[in-house]
Amino acid sequence: MSSMCDHGIMRNFDHGRRSRWFRGLAVALGFSLLTQTARSAEPTPIWHEPGVDYYQDVNPRQPLVVHVVRIDRSQKDLEFHTTLGGGNQIGTSVLSEQVKFIRPELGKPVAAINGDYFYMARPFAGDPMNLQVLRGGELVSAPGEDRAFFYLDAQGLPHITNAVDNFHVTWPNGKTVTFGLNETPATVGQAVLYTAAAGPNTRLEGVELVLGRNNEEPWLPLRVGHSLTGKVLRINQKGFSPLTADTMVLSLDPKTVSRFPPLTVGMLLKVATTTVPDLSGASLAIGGGPTLVRDGKRHEVHSFTGFQFRHPRSAMGWNDKYFYFVQADGRQPRYSMGMSLIELSDYFLSLKCDQAINLDGGGSCTTWISGKIVNSPSQRGMERPSANALVLVRKPK
């Protein structure tokens, strides 16, 4: 599980001695002052396209190398996309491969940064830990209760929040059953709904109901905050049901099927993807956490494991003029040590960001600019496969 190996890698650090902790905090405060001072001068871009600048912020005394992509929010031909590590399904791949998954008719990838934490257990290695919505609104992963995510609402405005899902199926007799989405069942007996984003089939044993469109009613793609009515086309007692673009599959644990109403071909099931808060209309989302900056102030991150230690970090934030991708190289003593979450929060404040969110860190940290990886990943400079990415795309004219 990526989060455990990137935020919780404490084996090589002394977390019992207060003196080292306070020294680390003092360095963090000192770094904050340095970054605030450094922002007095406009950075010189290493690379530039209309509306996009890439530059490096180097502090040789730490040492530290930070990669920054600044995106002009007024540039209307630029938009964000999220990718899946398996191309059109859940999986893992390196960032330089994921940018190739952007279809040419959507535009040209300009810049990208790695995305959410993810699970590595088979058969759904690469399952994002948090909410993911592909550009246009297709829901592929449910929110995680304890993790923040970035999303664009129906008007295209950016937000950071947490959410609790109430994904459920309503049977013809009114009985409701909660379900997971595109994942291994989290608990014994949990129902799981699968879409084509899960892969070629459900990959698990179970009693499975293959759902198709009911007459002319609204149907796929699945969207957050919506309700759909599906007709049971087939009942598969052996699991591993094929997944297609125009069907969904509701998988039930054979040991708990007796709890449900009788299963019959042709029955209608209502599928709801409601959340608190309501995310209806979200056009894009990608997970991360914790929140670093909220409403122009450093967000409290002390309770998040590993906040006081320096690691490679990836994050994104914004103010009313710019979006920023920020990625700090780390675990390379003579080149760059990385950042603590406090330092990363203060860095976004030095950029005058109103909001900022942490993304997956450690070996996953990667920045891609116009055809190449520009940072030095911590695993001997080699990219590590990850579950998804946030990609800046220039739309075709």
Protein backbone atom coordinates (compact mmCIF):
# COMPACT_ATOMS: atom_id res chain seq x y z
CA MET A 1 0.00 0.00 0.00
CA SER A 2 1.63 3.15 -1.22
CA SER A 3 0.65 5.40 1.68
CA MET A 4 2.31 3.11 4.20
CA CYS A 5 5.58 3.12 2.34
CA ASP A 6 5.65 6.85 1.62
CA HIS A 7 4.28 8.66 4.63
CA GLY A 8 5.04 6.08 7.21
CA ILE A 9 8.65 5.13 6.40
CA MET A 10 9.94 5.69 9.88
CA ARG A 11 12.27 2.72 10.30
CA ASN A 12 15.33 4.73 9.32
CA PHE A 13 14.49 7.70 11.51
CA ASP A 14 14.75 8.33 15.23
CA HIS A 15 11.25 9.27 16.31
CA GLY A 16 11.78 8.91 20.03
CA ARG A 17 14.22 11.70 20.77
CA ARG A 18 12.65 15.09 21.28
CA SER A 19 15.90 16.94 20.67
CA ARG A 20 16.04 15.81 17.05
CA TRP A 21 12.38 16.63 16.57
CA PHE A 22 12.85 20.18 17.80
CA ARG A 23 15.98 20.62 15.68
CA GLY A 24 13.96 19.46 12.67
CA LEU A 25 11.20 21.91 13.51
CA ALA A 26 13.73 24.73 13.85
CA VAL A 27 15.12 23.89 10.41
CA ALA A 28 11.57 23.87 9.05
CA LEU A 29 10.93 27.32 10.46
CA GLY A 30 14.22 28.54 9.06
CA PHE A 31 13.35 27.13 5.65
CA SER A 32 10.01 28.90 5.82
CA LEU A 33 11.80 32.21 6.31
CA LEU A 34 14.14 31.43 3.42
CA THR A 35 11.28 30.68 1.05
CA GLN A 36 9.39 33.80 2.07
CA THR A 37 12.50 35.86 1.32
CA ALA A 38 13.21 34.07 -1.96
CA ARG A 39 9.74 34.92 -3.28
CA SER A 40 10.61 38.61 -3.44
CA ALA A 41 12.15 38.03 -6.87
CA GLU A 42 10.25 36.67 -9.86
CA PRO A 43 11.66 33.20 -10.74
CA THR A 44 13.30 32.67 -14.11
CA PRO A 45 11.50 29.91 -16.06
CA ILE A 46 13.58 27.01 -17.37
CA TRP A 47 10.78 26.23 -19.82
CA HIS A 48 7.79 28.21 -21.00
CA GLU A 49 4.68 27.79 -23.13
CA PRO A 50 1.76 30.20 -23.31
CA GLY A 51 0.19 30.14 -19.86
CA VAL A 52 2.68 27.67 -18.35
CA ASP A 53 6.08 28.19 -16.70
CA TYR A 54 8.41 25.57 -15.24
CA TYR A 55 11.24 26.53 -12.91
CA GLN A 56 13.39 25.02 -10.17
CA ASP A 57 13.84 26.41 -6.68
CA VAL A 58 17.23 25.30 -5.29
CA ASN A 59 18.43 25.63 -1.70
CA PRO A 60 22.01 24.24 -1.59
CA ARG A 61 22.28 24.63 2.19
CA GLN A 62 19.65 21.98 2.96
CA PRO A 63 20.14 20.72 0.17
CA LEU A 64 16.78 20.94 -1.60
CA VAL A 65 15.55 21.00 -5.19
CA VAL A 66 11.91 21.90 -5.82
CA HIS A 67 10.23 21.65 -9.22
CA VAL A 68 7.43 24.16 -9.82
CA VAL A 69 4.92 24.32 -12.66
CA ARG A 70 2.90 27.55 -12.66
CA ILE A 71 -0.31 27.53 -14.69
CA ASP A 72 -2.16 30.70 -15.66
CA ARG A 73 -5.83 30.18 -14.81
CA SER A 74 -6.89 32.72 -17.44
CA GLN A 75 -5.46 30.56 -20.25
CA LYS A 76 -8.70 29.02 -21.52
CA ASP A 77 -7.16 26.39 -23.78
CA LEU A 78 -5.60 24.60 -20.78
CA GLU A 79 -7.48 22.02 -18.73
CA PHE A 80 -6.77 19.21 -16.25
CA HIS A 81 -7.25 15.51 -16.89
CA THR A 82 -6.77 12.49 -14.64
CA THR A 83 -5.39 9.20 -15.89
CA LEU A 84 -5.59 5.56 -14.85
CA GLY A 85 -2.41 3.53 -14.55
CA GLY A 86 -3.85 0.78 -16.71
CA GLY A 87 -4.77 3.11 -19.56
CA ASN A 88 -8.54 2.75 -19.59
CA GLN A 89 -8.66 0.65 -16.41
CA ILE A 90 -7.26 0.43 -12.90
CA GLY A 91 -3.57 -0.50 -12.84
CA THR A 92 -0.13 1.01 -12.45
CA SER A 93 2.36 2.55 -14.85
CA VAL A 94 5.02 5.26 -14.79
CA LEU A 95 4.07 8.88 -15.36
CA SER A 96 5.83 9.13 -18.73
CA GLU A 97 3.55 6.31 -19.95
CA GLN A 98 0.38 7.72 -18.41
CA VAL A 99 0.61 11.00 -20.31
CA LYS A 100 0.42 8.91 -23.50
CA PHE A 101 -3.04 7.72 -22.43
CA ILE A 102 -4.46 11.18 -23.19
CA ARG A 103 -6.30 10.74 -26.47
CA PRO A 104 -5.14 13.10 -29.27
CA GLU A 105 -8.63 14.51 -29.78
CA LEU A 106 -8.55 15.78 -26.17
CA GLY A 107 -5.40 17.80 -26.80
CA LYS A 108 -1.67 17.75 -26.14
CA PRO A 109 -0.24 16.99 -22.67
CA VAL A 110 1.88 19.89 -21.45
CA ALA A 111 2.78 18.99 -17.85
CA ALA A 112 1.93 16.26 -15.35
CA ILE A 113 2.49 15.21 -11.75
CA ASN A 114 1.85 11.90 -10.00
CA GLY A 115 -1.47 11.52 -8.20
CA ASP A 116 -3.15 9.58 -5.41
CA TYR A 117 -2.03 6.93 -2.94
CA PHE A 118 -3.06 3.45 -4.01
CA TYR A 119 -3.44 -0.19 -2.97
CA MET A 120 -1.02 -2.80 -4.28
CA ALA A 121 -2.95 -5.97 -3.39
CA ARG A 122 -4.04 -8.13 -6.30
CA PRO A 123 -6.24 -8.41 -8.24
CA PHE A 124 -6.79 -4.63 -8.16
CA ALA A 125 -3.23 -3.37 -7.84
CA GLY A 126 -3.40 0.35 -8.53
CA ASP A 127 -6.81 0.89 -6.95
CA PRO A 128 -6.77 4.57 -5.86
CA MET A 129 -7.37 5.07 -2.14
CA ASN A 130 -9.60 8.05 -2.74
CA LEU A 131 -12.10 9.59 -5.10
CA GLN A 132 -11.22 9.66 -8.77
CA VAL A 133 -13.33 11.19 -11.50
CA LEU A 134 -12.09 11.24 -15.08
CA ARG A 135 -12.45 14.43 -17.11
CA GLY A 136 -16.09 14.76 -18.09
CA GLY A 137 -17.42 13.16 -14.91
CA GLU A 138 -16.90 9.39 -15.09
CA LEU A 139 -16.62 8.00 -11.53
CA VAL A 140 -14.02 5.24 -11.16
CA SER A 141 -13.11 5.22 -7.44
CA ALA A 142 -15.02 6.06 -4.26
CA PRO A 143 -13.84 8.63 -1.69
CA GLY A 144 -11.83 7.57 1.35
CA GLU A 145 -13.34 8.93 4.55
CA ASP A 146 -10.06 10.05 6.11
CA ARG A 147 -8.42 11.56 3.03
CA ALA A 148 -8.79 14.85 1.22
CA PHE A 149 -9.14 15.16 -2.54
CA PHE A 150 -9.03 17.85 -5.23
CA TYR A 151 -12.02 18.25 -7.51
CA LEU A 152 -13.60 20.58 -10.05
CA ASP A 153 -17.30 21.29 -9.64
CA ALA A 154 -19.89 21.59 -12.41
CA GLN A 155 -18.77 25.18 -13.07
CA GLY A 156 -15.11 24.15 -13.27
CA LEU A 157 -14.19 25.77 -9.94
CA PRO A 158 -11.52 24.00 -7.84
CA HIS A 159 -12.08 22.65 -4.32
CA ILE A 160 -10.39 20.52 -1.66
CA THR A 161 -12.57 18.50 0.70
CA ASN A 162 -13.19 15.15 2.36
CA ALA A 163 -16.36 13.16 1.71
CA VAL A 164 -18.25 10.17 3.02
CA ASP A 165 -19.97 8.00 0.44
CA ASN A 166 -23.39 6.42 0.72
CA PHE A 167 -23.20 4.29 -2.40
CA HIS A 168 -26.18 1.93 -2.32
CA VAL A 169 -28.46 -0.28 -4.40
CA THR A 170 -32.22 -0.27 -3.88
CA TRP A 171 -34.08 -3.52 -4.65
CA PRO A 172 -37.63 -3.63 -6.04
CA ASN A 173 -39.02 -4.23 -2.54
CA GLY A 174 -37.29 -1.09 -1.18
CA LYS A 175 -34.44 -2.88 0.61
CA THR A 176 -31.12 -1.05 0.28
CA VAL A 177 -27.59 -2.46 0.29
CA THR A 178 -24.36 -0.43 0.36
CA PHE A 179 -21.60 -1.27 -2.09
CA GLY A 180 -17.94 -0.64 -2.79
CA LEU A 181 -16.76 0.44 -6.23
CA ASN A 182 -14.20 -1.26 -8.48
CA GLU A 183 -12.31 -2.90 -5.62
CA THR A 184 -11.74 -6.02 -3.58
CA PRO A 185 -14.53 -6.25 -0.97
CA ALA A 186 -13.39 -4.28 2.07
CA THR A 187 -15.35 -6.50 4.50
CA VAL A 188 -16.78 -10.00 4.40
CA GLY A 189 -20.11 -9.93 2.65
CA GLN A 190 -19.70 -6.48 1.11
CA ALA A 191 -21.37 -5.98 -2.27
CA VAL A 192 -19.17 -4.39 -4.94
CA LEU A 193 -20.22 -2.63 -8.13
CA TYR A 194 -17.87 -2.95 -11.10
CA THR A 195 -17.65 -0.82 -14.23
CA ALA A 196 -15.37 -1.21 -17.24
CA ALA A 197 -12.76 0.87 -15.36
CA ALA A 198 -12.10 -2.17 -13.13
CA GLY A 199 -10.70 -4.17 -16.04
CA PRO A 200 -11.81 -6.86 -18.48
CA ASN A 201 -13.84 -8.71 -15.80
CA THR A 202 -14.66 -8.59 -12.11
CA ARG A 203 -11.63 -10.80 -11.28
CA LEU A 204 -13.38 -12.30 -8.23
CA GLU A 205 -15.72 -15.14 -7.39
CA GLY A 206 -19.28 -14.23 -6.46
CA VAL A 207 -22.91 -14.26 -7.46
CA GLU A 208 -23.00 -11.46 -10.00
CA LEU A 209 -25.84 -9.48 -11.52
CA VAL A 210 -25.03 -8.05 -14.95
CA LEU A 211 -26.86 -4.72 -15.29
CA GLY A 212 -27.81 -2.99 -18.53
CA ARG A 213 -29.79 0.07 -19.58
CA ASN A 214 -33.50 0.14 -18.72
CA ASN A 215 -35.26 1.31 -21.89
CA GLU A 216 -34.35 4.96 -22.60
CA GLU A 217 -33.47 5.97 -19.05
CA PRO A 218 -30.11 7.70 -18.37
CA TRP A 219 -27.28 5.21 -18.17
CA LEU A 220 -23.50 5.07 -18.12
CA PRO A 221 -20.95 6.46 -17.50
CA LEU A 222 -21.37 6.24 -13.73
CA ARG A 223 -21.22 9.69 -12.11
CA VAL A 224 -20.88 10.82 -8.52
CA GLY A 225 -24.07 12.07 -6.89
CA HIS A 226 -26.35 10.45 -9.47
CA SER A 227 -28.93 7.64 -9.52
CA LEU A 228 -29.36 5.10 -12.33
CA THR A 229 -31.85 2.30 -12.85
CA GLY A 230 -30.33 -0.87 -14.29
CA LYS A 231 -32.05 -4.00 -15.57
CA VAL A 232 -30.63 -7.40 -14.60
CA LEU A 233 -29.63 -8.95 -17.92
CA ARG A 234 -27.93 -12.08 -16.56
CA ILE A 235 -27.20 -13.80 -13.25
CA ASN A 236 -23.73 -15.35 -13.06
CA GLN A 237 -23.15 -17.79 -10.21
CA LYS A 238 -19.39 -18.20 -10.76
CA GLY A 239 -18.04 -14.64 -10.78
CA PHE A 240 -15.44 -13.23 -13.20
CA SER A 241 -18.19 -11.59 -15.26
CA PRO A 242 -16.98 -9.64 -18.32
CA LEU A 243 -17.17 -5.85 -18.06
CA THR A 244 -18.15 -3.69 -21.02
CA ALA A 245 -18.70 0.01 -21.65
CA ASP A 246 -22.50 -0.42 -21.57
CA THR A 247 -22.87 -2.75 -18.57
CA MET A 248 -22.14 -2.79 -14.84
CA VAL A 249 -21.86 -5.82 -12.57
CA LEU A 250 -23.08 -6.04 -8.98
CA SER A 251 -21.08 -8.75 -7.20
CA LEU A 252 -22.55 -10.41 -4.09
CA ASP A 253 -20.84 -12.72 -1.60
CA PRO A 254 -22.31 -16.24 -2.13
CA LYS A 255 -22.42 -16.71 1.65
CA THR A 256 -24.74 -13.71 2.12
CA VAL A 257 -26.96 -13.97 -0.98
CA SER A 258 -29.76 -15.38 1.15
CA ARG A 259 -30.09 -11.95 2.83
CA PHE A 260 -31.21 -10.37 -0.44
CA PRO A 261 -34.58 -10.55 -2.17
CA PRO A 262 -34.94 -13.29 -4.80
CA LEU A 263 -32.69 -12.67 -7.79
CA THR A 264 -34.44 -12.70 -11.15
CA VAL A 265 -33.51 -11.73 -14.68
CA GLY A 266 -35.36 -8.56 -15.68
CA MET A 267 -35.61 -7.10 -12.17
CA LEU A 268 -34.79 -3.39 -11.86
CA LEU A 269 -32.17 -2.12 -9.41
CA LYS A 270 -31.63 1.54 -8.54
CA VAL A 271 -27.93 2.42 -8.17
CA ALA A 272 -27.11 5.60 -6.21
CA THR A 273 -23.68 7.22 -5.77
CA THR A 274 -24.54 9.86 -3.19
CA THR A 275 -21.95 11.51 -0.94
CA VAL A 276 -21.77 13.91 1.99
CA PRO A 277 -21.08 16.66 1.02
CA ASP A 278 -22.95 16.39 -2.26
CA LEU A 279 -20.51 16.19 -5.17
CA SER A 280 -23.08 16.09 -7.96
CA GLY A 281 -21.72 17.53 -11.16
CA ALA A 282 -18.03 17.05 -10.30
CA SER A 283 -16.22 17.06 -13.63
CA LEU A 284 -12.83 15.84 -12.37
CA ALA A 285 -11.33 14.61 -9.10
CA ILE A 286 -8.13 13.06 -7.79
CA GLY A 287 -7.22 12.05 -4.26
CA GLY A 288 -4.35 12.88 -1.97
CA GLY A 289 -4.08 14.27 1.53
CA PRO A 290 -3.61 15.88 3.85
CA THR A 291 -4.79 19.40 3.07
CA LEU A 292 -1.76 21.69 3.35
CA VAL A 293 -3.29 25.16 2.97
CA ARG A 294 -6.90 26.16 3.48
CA ASP A 295 -8.16 29.70 2.86
CA GLY A 296 -4.64 31.12 2.82
CA LYS A 297 -3.57 29.57 6.13
CA ARG A 298 -1.46 26.54 6.94
CA HIS A 299 -3.75 23.60 7.65
CA GLU A 300 -3.10 21.58 10.80
CA VAL A 301 -1.04 18.54 9.76
CA HIS A 302 0.54 17.52 13.06
CA SER A 303 -1.64 14.44 13.41
CA PHE A 304 -0.64 13.07 9.98
CA THR A 305 2.01 10.35 10.23
CA GLY A 306 5.44 11.51 9.14
CA PHE A 307 4.70 15.25 9.06
CA GLN A 308 7.96 16.16 10.79
CA PHE A 309 10.28 14.16 8.53
CA ARG A 310 11.68 15.09 5.14
CA HIS A 311 10.71 12.95 2.17
CA PRO A 312 10.17 13.44 -1.56
CA ARG A 313 6.84 15.27 -1.88
CA SER A 314 4.30 16.04 -4.60
CA ALA A 315 1.45 18.52 -4.19
CA MET A 316 -0.76 21.00 -6.00
CA GLY A 317 -2.37 24.29 -5.02
CA TRP A 318 -3.79 27.53 -6.34
CA ASN A 319 -4.76 31.14 -5.86
CA ASP A 320 -7.03 33.33 -7.97
CA LYS A 321 -4.40 33.72 -10.71
CA TYR A 322 -2.43 30.47 -10.87
CA PHE A 323 -2.50 26.73 -10.30
CA TYR A 324 0.78 25.22 -9.10
CA PHE A 325 2.31 21.75 -9.31
CA VAL A 326 5.05 21.54 -6.65
CA GLN A 327 7.34 18.55 -6.34
CA ALA A 328 10.35 18.28 -4.03
CA ASP A 329 13.05 15.71 -4.72
CA GLY A 330 14.30 13.86 -1.66
CA ARG A 331 16.26 10.98 -0.07
CA GLN A 332 19.34 12.05 -2.03
CA PRO A 333 21.73 13.55 0.58
CA ARG A 334 24.10 15.39 -1.75
CA TYR A 335 21.36 16.61 -4.04
CA SER A 336 18.03 17.05 -2.24
CA MET A 337 16.74 15.87 1.13
CA GLY A 338 13.04 16.52 0.58
CA MET A 339 10.49 18.41 2.66
CA SER A 340 8.38 17.89 5.74
CA LEU A 341 4.68 18.58 5.36
CA ILE A 342 5.07 21.76 7.40
CA GLU A 343 7.80 22.97 5.03
CA LEU A 344 5.64 22.04 2.05
CA SER A 345 2.69 23.95 3.51
CA ASP A 346 4.86 27.02 4.07
CA TYR A 347 6.21 26.75 0.55
CA PHE A 348 2.69 27.07 -0.85
CA LEU A 349 2.10 30.06 1.42
CA SER A 350 5.24 31.64 -0.02
CA LEU A 351 3.61 31.19 -3.45
CA LYS A 352 0.58 33.05 -2.04
CA CYS A 353 -1.65 30.02 -2.55
CA ASP A 354 -5.07 30.03 -0.92
CA GLN A 355 -5.50 26.23 -1.12
CA ALA A 356 -3.06 23.31 -1.43
CA ILE A 357 -3.19 19.54 -1.08
CA ASN A 358 -0.50 16.90 -0.67
CA LEU A 359 -0.32 14.01 -3.17
CA ASP A 360 1.41 10.63 -3.03
CA GLY A 361 5.07 11.00 -2.08
CA GLY A 362 8.28 9.02 -1.78
CA GLY A 363 9.30 7.03 -4.83
CA SER A 364 6.11 8.03 -6.64
CA CYS A 365 7.17 11.70 -6.87
CA THR A 366 7.54 12.57 -10.53
CA THR A 367 7.22 15.70 -12.65
CA TRP A 368 6.82 15.50 -16.43
CA ILE A 369 7.22 18.51 -18.72
CA SER A 370 6.70 18.57 -22.48
CA GLY A 371 7.92 15.07 -23.24
CA LYS A 372 10.36 14.28 -20.46
CA ILE A 373 10.80 13.67 -16.74
CA VAL A 374 12.52 16.73 -15.27
CA ASN A 375 13.05 15.67 -11.64
CA SER A 376 15.28 13.03 -10.03
CA PRO A 377 13.04 10.29 -8.58
CA SER A 378 14.32 8.89 -5.30
CA GLN A 379 14.70 5.30 -6.54
CA ARG A 380 18.05 5.76 -8.30
CA GLY A 381 16.48 8.24 -10.66
CA MET A 382 14.03 5.67 -12.02
CA GLU A 383 10.29 6.31 -12.29
CA ARG A 384 8.10 4.18 -10.06
CA PRO A 385 4.72 2.97 -11.37
CA SER A 386 1.73 4.71 -9.79
CA ALA A 387 -2.04 4.52 -10.00
CA ASN A 388 -2.99 7.81 -11.61
CA ALA A 389 -1.80 11.29 -12.48
CA LEU A 390 -2.95 14.87 -12.84
CA VAL A 391 -2.18 16.02 -16.37
CA LEU A 392 -2.35 19.53 -17.83
CA VAL A 393 -3.60 19.38 -21.42
CA ARG A 394 -3.71 22.06 -24.10
CA LYS A 395 -6.99 21.64 -25.93
CA PRO A 396 -6.96 21.58 -29.75
CA LYS A 397 -8.00 24.79 -31.47
